[in-house]
Protein backbone atom coordinates (compact mmCIF):
# COMPACT_ATOMS: atom_id res chain seq x y z
CA MET A 1 9.28 118.80 51.15
CA SER A 2 11.06 115.51 51.64
CA THR A 3 14.76 115.41 52.36
CA HIS A 4 15.02 111.73 51.45
CA SER A 5 16.89 110.71 48.32
CA PRO A 6 14.79 108.75 45.78
CA GLN A 7 17.24 105.87 46.22
CA LEU A 8 16.62 105.74 49.94
CA SER A 9 12.85 106.19 49.94
CA ARG A 10 10.88 103.15 50.94
CA THR A 11 7.61 101.89 49.61
CA PRO A 12 5.25 101.47 52.59
CA SER A 13 3.77 98.15 51.42
CA THR A 14 7.07 96.39 50.65
CA GLY A 15 9.67 98.29 52.63
CA LEU A 16 11.90 98.17 49.55
CA GLY A 17 13.71 101.15 48.10
CA ASP A 18 13.89 101.97 44.40
CA HIS A 19 17.14 100.07 43.84
CA GLU A 20 15.89 96.97 45.65
CA ARG A 21 12.66 96.99 43.60
CA ARG A 22 14.64 97.25 40.36
CA VAL A 23 16.99 94.44 41.42
CA SER A 24 14.02 92.24 42.34
CA LEU A 25 12.34 92.93 38.99
CA LEU A 26 15.56 92.18 37.12
CA ARG A 27 15.95 88.91 39.06
CA TRP A 28 12.46 87.82 37.96
CA ILE A 29 12.98 88.88 34.34
CA LEU A 30 16.34 87.10 34.09
CA GLY A 31 14.98 84.04 35.88
CA PHE A 32 12.16 83.86 33.34
CA GLY A 33 14.63 84.31 30.47
CA ILE A 34 17.06 81.69 31.75
CA LEU A 35 14.24 79.19 32.31
CA SER A 36 12.71 79.85 28.89
CA THR A 37 15.98 79.74 26.95
CA GLY A 38 17.12 76.71 28.95
CA LEU A 39 13.98 74.79 28.00
CA HIS A 40 14.03 75.98 24.41
CA PHE A 41 17.70 75.35 23.70
CA THR A 42 17.64 71.96 25.43
CA HIS A 43 14.77 70.91 23.19
CA ASN A 44 16.46 72.44 20.16
CA PHE A 45 19.60 70.44 20.95
CA VAL A 46 17.96 67.04 21.52
CA ALA A 47 15.27 67.38 18.83
CA ILE A 48 17.38 69.16 16.22
CA ASP A 49 15.76 67.12 13.44
CA GLN A 50 12.44 68.90 14.13
CA TYR A 51 13.91 72.31 13.30
CA PRO A 52 14.54 73.54 9.75
CA ASP A 53 18.22 73.37 8.81
CA ASP A 54 18.50 74.72 5.27
CA LEU A 55 20.14 77.96 6.45
CA VAL A 56 22.34 76.53 9.22
CA GLY A 57 23.04 72.82 9.67
CA GLY A 58 21.92 70.94 12.77
CA THR A 59 25.43 70.15 13.99
CA VAL A 60 26.41 73.83 13.77
CA VAL A 61 23.29 74.75 15.78
CA GLN A 62 24.09 72.13 18.42
CA VAL A 63 27.66 73.38 18.82
CA ALA A 64 26.38 76.98 19.00
CA ILE A 65 23.95 75.96 21.75
CA LEU A 66 26.72 74.26 23.75
CA VAL A 67 28.87 77.39 23.50
CA PHE A 68 26.46 80.31 23.57
CA TRP A 69 23.70 79.31 26.01
CA PRO A 70 26.12 78.86 28.95
CA LEU A 71 28.12 81.92 27.87
CA PHE A 72 25.15 84.28 27.68
CA THR A 73 23.50 82.79 30.77
CA GLY A 74 26.73 83.40 32.68
CA LEU A 75 26.88 86.96 31.34
CA ALA A 76 23.28 87.55 32.46
CA ILE A 77 24.05 86.33 35.97
CA TYR A 78 27.22 88.44 36.08
CA ALA A 79 25.26 91.48 34.83
CA TYR A 80 22.67 90.90 37.55
CA ARG A 81 25.39 90.82 40.21
CA LEU A 82 26.90 94.04 38.82
CA TYR A 83 23.50 95.70 38.76
CA ALA A 84 22.78 94.62 42.34
CA ARG A 85 26.08 96.26 43.38
CA ARG A 86 25.01 99.45 41.55
CA ALA A 87 27.66 98.99 38.84
CA TYR A 88 25.08 100.08 36.29
CA ARG A 89 27.50 101.29 33.63
CA GLU A 90 29.09 97.82 33.50
CA ALA A 91 25.80 95.89 33.79
CA HIS A 92 23.81 97.67 31.07
CA PRO A 93 25.82 96.51 28.02
CA LEU A 94 25.84 92.93 29.30
CA LEU A 95 22.08 93.01 29.84
CA LEU A 96 21.55 94.33 26.33
CA GLY A 97 23.77 91.53 25.02
CA TYR A 98 21.62 88.96 26.83
CA ALA A 99 18.48 90.60 25.45
CA PHE A 100 19.86 90.25 21.93
CA PHE A 101 20.76 86.60 22.59
CA ALA A 102 17.21 85.81 23.75
CA LEU A 103 15.78 87.53 20.67
CA THR A 104 17.92 85.44 18.32
CA THR A 105 15.56 82.49 18.81
CA LEU A 106 13.22 84.25 16.37
CA GLY A 107 15.87 83.34 13.80
CA HIS A 108 14.18 79.94 13.53
CA PHE A 109 11.65 81.60 11.26
CA LEU A 110 14.33 82.69 8.77
CA ASP A 111 14.56 79.04 7.75
CA GLY A 112 10.89 78.02 7.89
CA SER A 113 8.66 77.01 10.74
CA PRO A 114 9.82 74.33 13.17
CA ASP A 115 7.72 71.15 13.24
CA ILE A 116 7.52 70.92 17.02
CA ALA A 117 4.85 70.50 19.69
CA PRO A 118 2.97 73.66 20.73
CA PHE A 119 4.75 73.89 24.10
CA TRP A 120 8.18 73.95 22.45
CA TYR A 121 6.92 76.31 19.76
CA ALA A 122 5.77 78.68 22.50
CA THR A 123 9.27 78.74 24.00
CA ILE A 124 10.52 80.51 20.88
CA PHE A 125 8.15 83.35 21.75
CA THR A 126 8.80 83.27 25.50
CA ASP A 127 12.51 83.62 24.71
CA ALA A 128 11.71 86.67 22.57
CA LEU A 129 9.43 88.06 25.29
CA ALA A 130 12.25 87.65 27.81
CA GLY A 131 14.65 89.43 25.45
CA LEU A 132 12.23 92.32 25.01
CA ALA A 133 11.68 92.51 28.78
CA VAL A 134 15.44 92.63 29.48
CA ALA A 135 15.92 95.28 26.78
CA ALA A 136 13.01 97.38 28.09
CA PHE A 137 14.23 97.07 31.68
CA THR A 138 17.77 98.05 30.69
CA LEU A 139 16.72 101.03 28.58
CA ALA A 140 14.41 102.26 31.35
CA SER A 141 17.21 101.77 33.87
CA MET A 142 19.63 103.75 31.72
CA ARG A 143 17.16 106.64 31.68
CA SER A 144 16.30 106.62 35.39
CA GLU A 145 17.65 109.47 37.49
CA PRO A 146 19.00 107.37 40.41
CA VAL A 147 20.92 105.15 38.00
CA ARG A 148 22.30 108.07 36.01
CA ARG A 149 23.35 109.74 39.27
CA ALA A 150 25.09 106.56 40.48
CA ALA A 151 26.84 106.23 37.12
CA GLY A 152 27.97 109.86 37.29
CA ARG A 153 25.81 111.06 34.40
CA VAL A 154 23.65 113.66 36.22
């Protein structure tokens, strides 16, 4: 019977403990999400005329991009830093907020289908994929025993 805590156990192939593996995975997921949303929202901003605007006007969308992409990207980075410091209780809501933000790009389809090149069209779905990945990671993290113990919930 092992006397090592699950948080302190090391994986032989990587030498990383459970927390370090989760932090590394979160870094990759958020990096993917920030890259995807950065590409998508930049294109959305500069090529606004290629996106349907019956529901929300182009100028409103451009202002929203200028406000919300930096805001939610900053929150994601802050959440990552909290998570890395094991401040899970504080990080989880921020991560879920970022997941929701990434999923909002599917809102393009509420107003029709954008008339954009396939690459840019794909970024709508990579944003959504990133949002789902952040949400899945966060929900799994909230249920994990080491995280619950660190947050005082076990």
